[in-house]
N, C-alpha and C. Protein backbone atom coordinates (compact mmCIF):
# COMPACT_ATOMS: atom_id res chain seq x y z
N MET A 1 0.81 -1.11 0.14
CA MET A 1 0.02 -0.07 -0.08
C MET A 1 0.80 1.22 0.00
N PHE A 2 1.92 1.29 0.76
CA PHE A 2 2.81 2.61 0.93
C PHE A 2 3.93 2.39 -0.10
N HIS A 3 4.12 3.52 -0.81
CA HIS A 3 4.97 3.39 -2.03
C HIS A 3 6.37 4.11 -1.26
N VAL A 4 6.26 5.19 -0.74
CA VAL A 4 7.44 5.86 -0.14
C VAL A 4 7.84 5.70 1.21
N LEU A 5 6.96 5.10 2.20
CA LEU A 5 7.31 4.93 3.39
C LEU A 5 7.83 3.49 3.49
N GLU A 6 8.65 3.28 4.56
CA GLU A 6 9.10 1.84 4.88
C GLU A 6 8.33 1.52 6.01
N GLU A 7 7.97 -0.08 6.08
CA GLU A 7 7.48 -0.61 7.19
C GLU A 7 8.61 -1.34 8.02
N LYS A 8 8.64 -0.81 9.35
CA LYS A 8 9.61 -1.40 10.15
C LYS A 8 9.13 -1.94 11.63
N ARG A 9 9.82 -2.39 12.43
CA ARG A 9 9.50 -3.02 13.72
C ARG A 9 10.44 -2.40 14.78
N PHE A 10 9.97 -2.05 15.97
CA PHE A 10 10.73 -1.67 16.98
C PHE A 10 10.49 -2.71 18.03
N ASP A 11 11.35 -3.29 18.66
CA ASP A 11 11.36 -4.26 19.58
C ASP A 11 11.81 -3.50 21.08
N SER A 12 11.02 -3.76 22.05
CA SER A 12 11.20 -3.01 23.34
C SER A 12 12.49 -3.78 23.95
N ALA A 13 13.38 -2.90 24.58
CA ALA A 13 14.50 -3.45 25.38
C ALA A 13 14.11 -3.52 26.81
N ARG A 14 13.09 -2.99 27.20
CA ARG A 14 12.68 -2.80 28.55
C ARG A 14 11.40 -3.71 28.97
N ARG A 15 10.61 -4.06 28.08
CA ARG A 15 9.39 -4.81 28.32
C ARG A 15 9.43 -5.94 27.31
N ARG A 16 9.72 -7.18 27.86
CA ARG A 16 10.11 -8.34 27.18
C ARG A 16 8.85 -8.79 26.11
N GLY A 17 9.03 -8.87 24.83
CA GLY A 17 8.10 -9.34 24.00
C GLY A 17 7.14 -8.18 23.48
N GLU A 18 7.50 -6.87 23.87
CA GLU A 18 6.68 -5.79 23.43
C GLU A 18 7.28 -5.06 22.11
N TYR A 19 6.47 -4.48 21.05
CA TYR A 19 7.11 -4.29 20.02
C TYR A 19 6.04 -3.03 19.51
N LEU A 20 6.59 -2.38 18.52
CA LEU A 20 5.53 -1.47 17.72
C LEU A 20 6.22 -1.52 16.37
N ASP A 21 5.23 -1.86 15.59
CA ASP A 21 5.42 -1.62 14.09
C ASP A 21 5.14 -0.35 13.72
N TYR A 22 6.07 0.30 12.72
CA TYR A 22 5.74 1.52 12.45
C TYR A 22 6.30 1.89 11.01
N LEU A 23 5.80 3.01 10.50
CA LEU A 23 6.12 3.57 9.16
C LEU A 23 7.22 4.52 9.41
N SER A 24 8.18 4.59 8.51
CA SER A 24 9.42 5.43 8.75
C SER A 24 9.57 6.19 7.27
N TYR A 25 9.99 7.29 7.43
CA TYR A 25 10.38 8.18 5.96
C TYR A 25 11.74 8.98 6.36
N VAL A 26 12.42 8.93 5.42
CA VAL A 26 13.88 9.71 5.52
C VAL A 26 13.87 10.57 4.23
N PRO A 27 13.69 12.01 4.30
CA PRO A 27 13.90 12.62 3.06
C PRO A 27 15.24 12.35 2.29
N LYS A 28 15.16 12.03 0.92
CA LYS A 28 16.44 11.81 0.38
C LYS A 28 17.18 13.04 -0.12
N ASP A 29 18.60 12.85 -0.12
CA ASP A 29 19.48 13.99 -0.50
C ASP A 29 19.43 15.15 0.50
N ALA A 30 18.65 15.04 1.72
CA ALA A 30 18.47 16.16 2.74
C ALA A 30 19.93 16.15 3.55
N ALA A 31 20.11 17.35 4.06
CA ALA A 31 21.22 17.57 4.94
C ALA A 31 21.16 17.15 6.22
N GLU A 32 21.83 16.53 6.91
CA GLU A 32 21.79 16.06 8.10
C GLU A 32 22.42 17.05 9.18
N PRO A 33 21.88 17.13 10.34
CA PRO A 33 20.90 16.44 11.02
C PRO A 33 19.34 16.95 10.41
N LEU A 34 18.62 15.87 10.71
CA LEU A 34 17.34 16.28 10.28
C LEU A 34 16.11 16.39 11.44
N PRO A 35 15.19 17.36 11.14
CA PRO A 35 13.96 17.38 12.26
C PRO A 35 13.44 15.85 12.26
N LEU A 36 12.75 15.60 13.28
CA LEU A 36 12.01 14.30 13.40
C LEU A 36 10.61 14.57 13.78
N LEU A 37 9.71 14.09 13.17
CA LEU A 37 8.16 14.29 13.47
C LEU A 37 7.61 12.88 13.98
N VAL A 38 7.02 12.68 15.14
CA VAL A 38 6.49 11.62 15.51
C VAL A 38 4.98 11.89 15.24
N TYR A 39 4.49 10.77 14.52
CA TYR A 39 2.98 10.95 14.33
C TYR A 39 2.17 9.96 14.97
N ILE A 40 1.20 10.39 15.81
CA ILE A 40 0.58 9.41 16.62
C ILE A 40 -0.86 9.12 16.20
N HIS A 41 -1.23 7.96 15.50
CA HIS A 41 -2.75 7.90 14.86
C HIS A 41 -3.68 7.76 16.02
N GLY A 42 -4.91 7.82 15.25
CA GLY A 42 -6.21 7.82 16.18
C GLY A 42 -6.52 6.37 16.38
N ALA A 43 -7.80 6.23 16.87
CA ALA A 43 -8.26 4.84 17.13
C ALA A 43 -8.65 3.99 15.85
N GLY A 44 -9.09 4.77 14.77
CA GLY A 44 -9.41 3.86 13.52
C GLY A 44 -8.34 3.24 12.90
N SER A 45 -7.10 3.62 13.33
CA SER A 45 -5.97 2.97 12.59
C SER A 45 -5.27 1.89 13.50
N ARG A 46 -5.91 1.35 14.76
CA ARG A 46 -5.27 0.34 15.44
C ARG A 46 -5.37 -0.93 14.83
N GLY A 47 -4.57 -1.79 15.16
CA GLY A 47 -4.47 -3.24 14.22
C GLY A 47 -3.16 -3.93 14.38
N HIS A 48 -2.99 -4.67 13.66
CA HIS A 48 -1.87 -5.60 13.42
C HIS A 48 -1.30 -5.40 12.10
N SER A 49 -1.74 -4.61 11.24
CA SER A 49 -1.17 -4.36 10.04
C SER A 49 -1.01 -3.00 9.65
N LEU A 50 0.17 -2.41 9.14
CA LEU A 50 0.37 -1.18 8.85
C LEU A 50 -0.59 -0.59 8.04
N ASP A 51 -1.13 -1.35 6.80
CA ASP A 51 -2.06 -0.93 5.77
C ASP A 51 -3.18 -0.36 6.76
N GLN A 52 -3.45 -0.68 7.82
CA GLN A 52 -4.85 -0.05 8.65
C GLN A 52 -4.50 1.31 8.83
N MET A 53 -3.31 1.81 8.87
CA MET A 53 -3.09 3.18 9.27
C MET A 53 -3.66 4.15 8.20
N GLY A 54 -3.79 3.60 7.08
CA GLY A 54 -4.32 4.54 5.89
C GLY A 54 -3.38 5.67 5.69
N VAL A 55 -3.82 6.47 4.50
CA VAL A 55 -2.94 7.75 3.87
C VAL A 55 -3.75 8.86 4.73
N VAL A 56 -3.20 9.22 5.79
CA VAL A 56 -3.73 10.42 6.26
C VAL A 56 -2.51 11.20 7.02
N GLY A 57 -2.91 12.34 7.45
CA GLY A 57 -1.99 13.30 7.95
C GLY A 57 -0.59 13.40 7.30
N PRO A 58 0.40 13.32 7.94
CA PRO A 58 1.71 13.43 7.37
C PRO A 58 2.08 12.34 6.48
N ILE A 59 1.36 11.12 6.64
CA ILE A 59 1.44 10.17 5.88
C ILE A 59 1.20 10.28 4.17
N LYS A 60 -0.10 11.00 4.44
CA LYS A 60 -0.67 11.50 3.12
C LYS A 60 0.30 12.44 2.15
N LEU A 61 0.74 13.41 2.97
CA LEU A 61 1.56 14.31 2.31
C LEU A 61 2.66 13.70 1.58
N ILE A 62 3.41 12.87 2.47
CA ILE A 62 4.49 12.02 1.89
C ILE A 62 4.23 11.19 0.83
N GLU A 63 3.17 10.33 0.97
CA GLU A 63 2.73 9.44 -0.23
C GLU A 63 2.39 10.19 -1.54
N GLU A 64 1.87 11.54 -1.17
CA GLU A 64 1.43 12.16 -2.57
C GLU A 64 2.58 13.02 -2.98
N GLY A 65 3.89 12.97 -2.48
CA GLY A 65 4.87 13.39 -2.88
C GLY A 65 5.24 15.00 -2.71
N LYS A 66 4.26 15.54 -1.79
CA LYS A 66 4.68 16.79 -1.18
C LYS A 66 5.84 17.12 -0.49
N PRO A 67 6.61 18.14 -0.58
CA PRO A 67 7.71 18.26 0.02
C PRO A 67 7.61 18.13 1.73
N PHE A 68 8.40 17.10 2.37
CA PHE A 68 8.27 17.05 3.61
C PHE A 68 9.83 16.90 4.01
N PRO A 69 10.18 18.06 4.90
CA PRO A 69 11.65 18.09 5.18
C PRO A 69 11.92 17.65 6.66
N ALA A 70 11.46 16.58 6.93
CA ALA A 70 11.93 15.92 8.22
C ALA A 70 11.62 14.41 8.08
N MET A 71 12.32 13.65 8.98
CA MET A 71 12.21 12.24 9.27
C MET A 71 10.76 12.13 9.83
N LEU A 72 9.92 10.94 9.74
CA LEU A 72 8.94 10.74 10.10
C LEU A 72 8.96 9.34 10.66
N ALA A 73 8.38 9.09 11.72
CA ALA A 73 8.09 8.00 12.76
C ALA A 73 6.69 7.81 13.12
N ALA A 74 6.03 6.88 12.48
CA ALA A 74 4.59 6.51 12.73
C ALA A 74 4.32 5.35 13.20
N PRO A 75 4.33 5.15 14.60
CA PRO A 75 3.90 3.70 15.18
C PRO A 75 2.33 3.44 15.09
N GLN A 76 2.30 2.13 15.09
CA GLN A 76 1.03 1.53 15.05
C GLN A 76 0.56 0.99 16.56
N CYS A 77 -0.70 1.34 17.06
CA CYS A 77 -1.20 0.76 18.25
C CYS A 77 -1.79 -0.61 18.05
N HIS A 78 -1.51 -1.64 18.59
CA HIS A 78 -2.20 -2.80 18.53
C HIS A 78 -2.80 -3.34 19.67
N GLU A 79 -2.99 -2.46 20.63
CA GLU A 79 -3.80 -2.71 21.85
C GLU A 79 -5.30 -1.75 21.76
N ASP A 80 -6.05 -1.60 22.58
CA ASP A 80 -7.08 -1.03 22.75
C ASP A 80 -6.90 0.46 22.64
N HIS A 81 -5.87 0.96 23.48
CA HIS A 81 -5.57 2.39 23.51
C HIS A 81 -3.96 2.72 23.84
N TRP A 82 -3.60 3.85 23.06
CA TRP A 82 -2.14 4.21 23.33
C TRP A 82 -1.76 4.01 24.71
N PHE A 83 -2.65 4.25 25.66
CA PHE A 83 -2.04 4.38 27.07
C PHE A 83 -1.80 2.86 27.62
N ASP A 84 -2.35 1.85 26.82
CA ASP A 84 -1.89 0.40 26.96
C ASP A 84 -0.55 0.28 26.78
N LEU A 85 -0.01 1.03 25.91
CA LEU A 85 1.44 0.82 25.44
C LEU A 85 2.39 2.16 25.52
N PHE A 86 1.91 2.91 26.40
CA PHE A 86 2.52 4.17 26.67
C PHE A 86 3.98 4.04 26.97
N GLU A 87 4.28 3.25 27.86
CA GLU A 87 5.76 3.03 28.37
C GLU A 87 6.53 2.63 27.01
N THR A 88 6.03 1.84 26.15
CA THR A 88 6.83 1.05 25.00
C THR A 88 6.83 2.37 23.98
N LEU A 89 5.88 3.15 23.98
CA LEU A 89 5.73 4.37 22.99
C LEU A 89 6.82 5.34 23.34
N ALA A 90 7.05 5.51 24.56
CA ALA A 90 7.90 6.52 25.28
C ALA A 90 9.32 6.07 24.73
N GLU A 91 9.51 4.57 24.98
CA GLU A 91 10.77 4.07 24.61
C GLU A 91 11.13 4.15 23.22
N PHE A 92 10.05 3.93 22.14
CA PHE A 92 10.24 4.26 20.81
C PHE A 92 10.52 5.48 20.57
N VAL A 93 9.94 6.58 21.18
CA VAL A 93 10.12 7.93 20.70
C VAL A 93 11.68 8.26 21.22
N ASP A 94 11.95 7.91 22.38
CA ASP A 94 13.19 7.94 22.95
C ASP A 94 14.39 7.38 21.92
N ALA A 95 14.20 6.21 21.35
CA ALA A 95 14.99 5.94 20.39
C ALA A 95 15.12 6.49 19.07
N MET A 96 13.99 6.96 18.67
CA MET A 96 13.89 7.70 17.44
C MET A 96 14.68 8.85 17.50
N ARG A 97 14.37 9.58 18.57
CA ARG A 97 15.22 10.88 18.68
C ARG A 97 16.85 10.90 18.90
N HIS A 98 17.31 9.76 19.34
CA HIS A 98 18.50 9.39 19.37
C HIS A 98 19.22 8.79 18.25
N ASP A 99 18.37 8.68 17.15
CA ASP A 99 19.00 8.23 15.78
C ASP A 99 20.06 9.40 15.35
N PRO A 100 21.19 9.00 15.18
CA PRO A 100 22.43 9.92 14.72
C PRO A 100 21.99 10.82 13.51
N ARG A 101 20.92 10.64 12.77
CA ARG A 101 20.63 11.47 11.74
C ARG A 101 19.83 12.55 12.06
N VAL A 102 19.08 12.49 13.55
CA VAL A 102 18.12 13.39 13.82
C VAL A 102 18.82 14.62 14.68
N ASP A 103 18.12 15.91 14.29
CA ASP A 103 18.66 16.92 14.99
C ASP A 103 17.79 16.86 16.37
N ALA A 104 18.43 16.75 17.43
CA ALA A 104 17.86 16.53 18.76
C ALA A 104 17.03 17.72 19.20
N ARG A 105 17.39 18.94 18.61
CA ARG A 105 16.79 20.09 19.07
C ARG A 105 15.49 20.48 18.21
N ARG A 106 15.18 19.51 17.35
CA ARG A 106 14.02 19.74 16.38
C ARG A 106 13.29 18.47 16.21
N VAL A 107 12.58 17.96 17.30
CA VAL A 107 11.89 16.79 17.62
C VAL A 107 10.45 17.20 17.86
N TYR A 108 9.51 16.76 17.04
CA TYR A 108 8.23 17.04 17.26
C TYR A 108 7.19 15.94 17.40
N VAL A 109 5.98 16.15 18.00
CA VAL A 109 5.02 15.11 18.27
C VAL A 109 3.64 15.74 17.89
N THR A 110 2.95 15.01 17.10
CA THR A 110 1.72 15.21 16.53
C THR A 110 0.72 14.03 16.42
N GLY A 111 -0.54 14.22 16.66
CA GLY A 111 -1.53 13.38 16.33
C GLY A 111 -3.04 13.59 16.47
N GLY A 112 -3.83 12.98 16.10
CA GLY A 112 -5.41 13.11 16.14
C GLY A 112 -6.31 12.32 16.83
N SER A 113 -7.29 12.75 17.49
CA SER A 113 -8.20 11.92 18.30
C SER A 113 -7.49 11.28 19.29
N MET A 114 -7.51 9.93 19.35
CA MET A 114 -6.82 8.99 20.40
C MET A 114 -5.40 9.69 20.48
N GLY A 115 -4.75 9.77 19.04
CA GLY A 115 -3.51 10.13 19.11
C GLY A 115 -3.40 11.67 19.53
N GLY A 116 -4.27 12.49 19.66
CA GLY A 116 -4.29 13.65 20.20
C GLY A 116 -4.35 13.81 21.60
N PHE A 117 -5.01 12.81 22.29
CA PHE A 117 -4.77 12.70 23.87
C PHE A 117 -3.30 12.29 24.07
N THR A 118 -2.72 11.39 23.09
CA THR A 118 -1.50 10.81 23.54
C THR A 118 -0.44 11.89 23.18
N THR A 119 -0.74 12.73 22.21
CA THR A 119 0.20 13.81 22.09
C THR A 119 0.31 14.66 23.16
N TRP A 120 -0.87 15.14 23.75
CA TRP A 120 -0.75 15.90 24.88
C TRP A 120 0.02 15.08 25.94
N GLN A 121 -0.25 13.92 26.20
CA GLN A 121 0.35 13.12 27.22
C GLN A 121 1.92 13.05 27.30
N MET A 122 2.28 12.66 25.99
CA MET A 122 3.62 12.44 25.63
C MET A 122 4.42 13.74 26.01
N ALA A 123 3.86 14.92 25.40
CA ALA A 123 4.36 16.17 25.60
C ALA A 123 4.48 16.54 27.11
N CYS A 124 3.63 16.34 27.93
CA CYS A 124 3.63 16.58 29.41
C CYS A 124 4.45 15.53 30.03
N ALA A 125 4.47 14.18 29.64
CA ALA A 125 5.39 13.39 30.31
C ALA A 125 7.01 13.49 29.89
N HIS A 126 7.24 14.18 28.80
CA HIS A 126 8.80 14.21 28.49
C HIS A 126 8.65 15.62 27.76
N PRO A 127 8.69 16.77 28.40
CA PRO A 127 8.56 17.99 27.88
C PRO A 127 9.94 18.32 27.14
N ASP A 128 11.01 17.71 27.93
CA ASP A 128 12.37 18.07 27.48
C ASP A 128 12.70 17.37 26.14
N TRP A 129 11.97 16.55 25.51
CA TRP A 129 12.29 15.78 24.33
C TRP A 129 11.80 16.82 23.21
N PHE A 130 10.65 17.61 23.39
CA PHE A 130 10.15 18.25 22.13
C PHE A 130 10.39 19.64 21.92
N ALA A 131 10.49 20.05 20.66
CA ALA A 131 10.53 21.41 20.24
C ALA A 131 9.35 22.03 20.22
N ALA A 132 8.25 21.21 19.69
CA ALA A 132 6.87 21.66 19.67
C ALA A 132 5.97 20.33 19.72
N ALA A 133 4.56 20.67 19.84
CA ALA A 133 3.57 19.77 19.78
C ALA A 133 2.36 20.05 19.28
N VAL A 134 1.85 19.24 18.18
CA VAL A 134 0.43 19.83 17.68
C VAL A 134 -0.68 18.43 17.79
N PRO A 135 -1.37 18.82 19.01
CA PRO A 135 -2.36 17.90 19.26
C PRO A 135 -3.76 18.36 18.54
N VAL A 136 -4.30 17.32 18.01
CA VAL A 136 -5.45 17.66 17.19
C VAL A 136 -6.72 16.91 17.61
N CYS A 137 -7.81 17.50 17.89
CA CYS A 137 -8.95 17.09 18.44
C CYS A 137 -8.70 15.96 19.58
N GLY A 138 -8.05 16.46 20.53
CA GLY A 138 -7.47 15.59 21.70
C GLY A 138 -8.00 16.29 22.90
N GLY A 139 -7.19 15.76 24.20
CA GLY A 139 -7.55 16.42 25.36
C GLY A 139 -6.56 15.66 26.22
N GLY A 140 -6.76 16.06 27.49
CA GLY A 140 -5.75 15.46 28.57
C GLY A 140 -6.21 15.81 29.98
N GLN A 141 -5.19 15.60 30.87
CA GLN A 141 -5.19 16.04 32.21
C GLN A 141 -4.69 17.16 32.54
N GLU A 142 -5.64 18.24 32.87
CA GLU A 142 -5.27 19.56 33.07
C GLU A 142 -4.08 19.81 34.32
N TRP A 143 -4.19 18.97 35.22
CA TRP A 143 -3.01 19.24 36.29
C TRP A 143 -1.73 18.92 35.80
N TYR A 144 -1.61 18.22 34.63
CA TYR A 144 -0.37 17.67 34.04
C TYR A 144 0.10 18.63 33.21
N ALA A 145 -0.70 19.76 32.87
CA ALA A 145 -0.03 20.56 31.98
C ALA A 145 1.02 21.62 32.47
N GLY A 146 1.17 21.48 33.70
CA GLY A 146 2.35 22.61 34.32
C GLY A 146 3.37 22.13 33.93
N ARG A 147 3.90 20.87 33.40
CA ARG A 147 5.09 20.48 32.77
C ARG A 147 5.35 21.22 31.55
N LEU A 148 4.38 21.97 30.93
CA LEU A 148 4.57 22.11 29.46
C LEU A 148 5.21 23.55 29.26
N LYS A 149 5.73 24.41 30.59
CA LYS A 149 6.17 25.52 30.54
C LYS A 149 7.05 25.74 29.47
N GLY A 150 7.10 26.82 28.40
CA GLY A 150 7.89 27.18 27.48
C GLY A 150 7.79 26.45 26.06
N MET A 151 6.89 25.36 26.16
CA MET A 151 6.76 24.53 24.78
C MET A 151 5.87 25.25 24.01
N PRO A 152 6.11 25.48 22.64
CA PRO A 152 5.15 25.68 21.75
C PRO A 152 4.31 24.72 21.23
N ILE A 153 2.90 25.17 21.49
CA ILE A 153 1.94 24.14 21.07
C ILE A 153 0.85 24.81 20.30
N TRP A 154 0.50 24.12 19.13
CA TRP A 154 -0.59 24.56 18.25
C TRP A 154 -1.50 23.41 18.17
N ALA A 155 -2.87 23.59 19.09
CA ALA A 155 -3.96 22.66 19.04
C ALA A 155 -4.98 23.00 18.09
N PHE A 156 -5.51 21.90 17.49
CA PHE A 156 -6.80 22.26 16.60
C PHE A 156 -7.88 21.41 16.99
N HIS A 157 -9.09 21.77 16.72
CA HIS A 157 -10.59 21.10 17.05
C HIS A 157 -11.53 21.72 16.17
N GLY A 158 -12.45 20.86 16.12
CA GLY A 158 -13.63 21.09 15.35
C GLY A 158 -14.74 21.42 16.22
N LEU A 159 -15.49 22.64 16.06
CA LEU A 159 -16.40 23.13 17.19
C LEU A 159 -17.62 22.20 17.16
N LEU A 160 -17.82 21.38 16.12
CA LEU A 160 -18.96 20.59 16.26
C LEU A 160 -18.59 19.24 16.38
N ASP A 161 -17.48 18.84 17.03
CA ASP A 161 -16.98 17.54 17.11
C ASP A 161 -17.98 16.86 18.12
N PRO A 162 -18.47 15.79 17.72
CA PRO A 162 -19.38 14.85 18.62
C PRO A 162 -18.71 13.76 19.30
N VAL A 163 -17.43 13.40 18.85
CA VAL A 163 -16.83 12.37 19.42
C VAL A 163 -15.91 12.85 20.81
N VAL A 164 -15.33 13.94 20.47
CA VAL A 164 -14.25 14.50 21.68
C VAL A 164 -14.61 16.06 21.58
N PRO A 165 -15.44 16.43 22.70
CA PRO A 165 -15.96 17.80 22.68
C PRO A 165 -14.65 18.70 22.55
N VAL A 166 -15.05 19.88 21.97
CA VAL A 166 -14.14 20.74 21.81
C VAL A 166 -13.34 21.36 23.28
N GLU A 167 -14.39 21.26 24.03
CA GLU A 167 -13.85 21.79 25.53
C GLU A 167 -12.70 21.03 25.90
N GLU A 168 -12.50 19.89 25.35
CA GLU A 168 -11.22 19.13 25.79
C GLU A 168 -9.97 19.67 25.34
N SER A 169 -10.01 20.28 24.08
CA SER A 169 -8.81 21.20 23.70
C SER A 169 -8.78 22.38 24.64
N VAL A 170 -9.91 23.09 24.54
CA VAL A 170 -9.86 24.41 25.32
C VAL A 170 -9.23 24.32 26.71
N LYS A 171 -9.44 23.29 27.37
CA LYS A 171 -9.10 23.15 28.84
C LYS A 171 -7.66 22.90 28.69
N MET A 172 -7.19 22.14 27.76
CA MET A 172 -5.77 22.01 28.06
C MET A 172 -5.01 23.17 27.56
N ALA A 173 -5.47 23.75 26.33
CA ALA A 173 -4.95 24.97 25.97
C ALA A 173 -4.81 25.84 26.95
N ARG A 174 -5.82 26.03 27.82
CA ARG A 174 -5.81 27.10 28.78
C ARG A 174 -4.94 26.94 30.00
N ALA A 175 -4.96 25.49 30.39
CA ALA A 175 -3.99 25.10 31.29
C ALA A 175 -2.50 25.11 31.11
N ALA A 176 -2.24 24.74 29.75
CA ALA A 176 -0.84 25.01 29.13
C ALA A 176 -0.33 26.50 29.34
N GLN A 177 -1.13 27.29 28.58
CA GLN A 177 -0.98 28.64 28.66
C GLN A 177 -0.76 29.23 30.04
N LYS A 178 -1.51 28.93 30.98
CA LYS A 178 -1.20 29.37 32.48
C LYS A 178 0.00 28.75 32.93
N ALA A 179 0.57 27.67 32.58
CA ALA A 179 1.74 27.14 32.86
C ALA A 179 3.00 27.85 32.28
N GLY A 180 2.74 28.54 31.33
CA GLY A 180 3.81 29.39 30.58
C GLY A 180 4.35 28.76 29.20
N ALA A 181 3.34 27.79 28.69
CA ALA A 181 3.54 27.30 27.19
C ALA A 181 3.11 28.18 26.27
N ASP A 182 3.73 28.33 24.84
CA ASP A 182 3.33 29.30 24.03
C ASP A 182 2.36 28.64 23.18
N VAL A 183 1.18 28.65 23.50
CA VAL A 183 -0.04 27.98 23.04
C VAL A 183 -0.99 28.84 21.84
N ARG A 184 -1.27 28.21 20.83
CA ARG A 184 -2.19 28.57 19.83
C ARG A 184 -3.47 27.59 19.68
N LEU A 185 -4.50 28.10 19.47
CA LEU A 185 -5.74 26.93 19.53
C LEU A 185 -6.40 27.42 18.29
N THR A 186 -6.55 26.54 17.29
CA THR A 186 -7.59 27.00 16.14
C THR A 186 -8.73 26.01 16.28
N ILE A 187 -10.05 26.66 16.49
CA ILE A 187 -11.25 26.00 16.53
C ILE A 187 -11.91 26.23 15.17
N TYR A 188 -12.23 24.98 14.27
CA TYR A 188 -12.95 25.24 13.13
C TYR A 188 -14.54 25.38 13.38
N PRO A 189 -15.08 26.32 13.11
CA PRO A 189 -16.57 26.37 13.48
C PRO A 189 -17.56 25.44 12.81
N ASP A 190 -16.93 24.89 11.46
CA ASP A 190 -18.05 24.23 10.73
C ASP A 190 -17.50 22.82 10.57
N VAL A 191 -16.37 22.38 11.31
CA VAL A 191 -15.96 21.03 11.40
C VAL A 191 -16.21 20.14 12.35
N HIS A 192 -16.57 18.65 12.01
CA HIS A 192 -16.98 17.71 13.27
C HIS A 192 -15.63 17.32 13.63
N HIS A 193 -15.60 15.88 13.67
CA HIS A 193 -14.58 15.18 14.39
C HIS A 193 -13.10 15.12 13.62
N GLU A 194 -13.35 15.42 12.32
CA GLU A 194 -12.12 15.00 11.36
C GLU A 194 -11.14 16.54 11.16
N ALA A 195 -11.06 17.03 12.39
CA ALA A 195 -10.32 18.24 12.39
C ALA A 195 -8.85 18.03 11.64
N TRP A 196 -8.47 16.91 11.84
CA TRP A 196 -7.01 16.45 11.33
C TRP A 196 -6.97 16.80 9.77
N GLU A 197 -7.94 16.51 9.01
CA GLU A 197 -7.98 16.79 7.64
C GLU A 197 -7.52 18.25 7.11
N ARG A 198 -8.01 19.37 7.91
CA ARG A 198 -7.97 20.56 7.57
C ARG A 198 -6.56 21.02 8.31
N ALA A 199 -6.16 20.37 9.46
CA ALA A 199 -4.98 20.98 10.44
C ALA A 199 -3.78 20.57 9.43
N TYR A 200 -3.66 19.16 8.93
CA TYR A 200 -2.44 18.61 8.35
C TYR A 200 -2.62 19.24 6.75
N ALA A 201 -3.42 19.99 6.42
CA ALA A 201 -3.35 20.51 5.04
C ALA A 201 -3.06 22.01 5.19
N ASP A 202 -2.83 22.39 6.38
CA ASP A 202 -2.63 23.82 6.59
C ASP A 202 -0.93 24.24 6.41
N ASP A 203 -0.49 24.64 5.37
CA ASP A 203 0.90 24.96 4.96
C ASP A 203 1.36 25.71 6.20
N ALA A 204 0.58 26.75 6.71
CA ALA A 204 1.25 27.64 7.76
C ALA A 204 1.43 26.77 9.07
N MET A 205 0.62 25.78 9.18
CA MET A 205 0.93 25.10 10.47
C MET A 205 2.42 24.12 10.26
N TRP A 206 2.61 23.76 8.94
CA TRP A 206 4.00 23.07 8.98
C TRP A 206 5.12 24.06 8.90
N ALA A 207 4.91 25.19 8.54
CA ALA A 207 5.82 26.16 8.52
C ALA A 207 6.37 26.67 9.74
N TRP A 208 5.34 26.71 10.70
CA TRP A 208 5.64 27.22 11.97
C TRP A 208 5.94 26.17 12.70
N LEU A 209 5.53 24.70 12.58
CA LEU A 209 6.16 23.55 13.38
C LEU A 209 7.57 23.38 12.86
N PHE A 210 8.10 23.39 11.78
CA PHE A 210 9.35 23.08 11.38
C PHE A 210 10.10 24.37 11.80
N ALA A 211 9.83 25.44 12.07
CA ALA A 211 10.69 26.55 12.47
C ALA A 211 10.80 26.60 14.03
N GLN A 212 10.31 25.76 14.84
CA GLN A 212 10.45 25.55 16.10
C GLN A 212 11.78 24.74 16.46
N ALA A 213 12.70 25.31 17.33
CA ALA A 213 13.69 24.56 18.00
C ALA A 213 13.96 24.67 19.07
N ARG A 214 14.55 23.77 19.96
CA ARG A 214 14.91 24.11 21.54
C ARG A 214 16.31 24.74 21.50
N LYS A 215 16.24 25.46 22.28
CA LYS A 215 17.69 26.35 22.50
C LYS A 215 18.56 25.59 23.17
N PRO A 216 19.89 25.82 22.82
CA PRO A 216 21.14 24.85 23.24
C PRO A 216 21.29 24.82 24.68
N GLY A 217 21.28 23.81 25.31
CA GLY A 217 21.23 23.54 26.68
C GLY A 217 19.83 23.18 27.42
N GLU A 218 18.88 23.38 26.48
CA GLU A 218 17.50 23.02 27.08
C GLU A 218 17.32 21.49 27.05
C-alpha cells in the first residue's frame, strides 16, 4: 500500500515481548541532522497491519509527493488504546530521537483524536524531548499541563465534534498557557471530528512547526 514509506518494527528492550510496528520516512538527499516528526494515529488505525493506518495526515503528504523536510516515525497501536502501550511508545520515541541522523533540538510530536490525547500526554510526560507539539481533537489531564512551560503548542479542534468535545482542547490549551507554554488554539466552526484533515493540510502550520527548535542547553 505504501510506496514511499518503509515498514519497520521496534522491539522494546525494557518490556519483554513488546513491540511497535511503524512507518518510517527519511527525505532523500537532505542535509543532516534532520528534524524528526513523531505521528501518533487515532483509534481508527489500530490493528496488526500497517495498511490499517491509511493515507492520512503527514503520511498522506509524503505519499502524495509533497515536500516534507523531516524524518517521520509513525507507530501503530495494536492494543485498545495508546495508554496501554505508553511506556513502550515512550521508549520508541526516545530511540527515534537518538538516531544519529536526527537533530535533537528539532523533535516534534503530533496526532489526532486518540493520538491527540496521546500527544498531550507524551508532551507532558517528556517536555524536554520536544521542540513543539500539535495535538488535534484531543485532550488530557489539566493538572499535568504544568510541565509544558515554554513549549510551543498549536492545538486544533472542530467546534461541532461529537466524539471529543471541543472543550477538551480548550481546557488543555488554557492550562498549558497558564503554565507558561506558548499556545495557539484553532477551532474550526464548521468541522466535526475530522479536524485533522484541515489541520494537516495547513501549510502555515507546517511552516510554524518546522521553525521551532529547542535552545542549546535546554
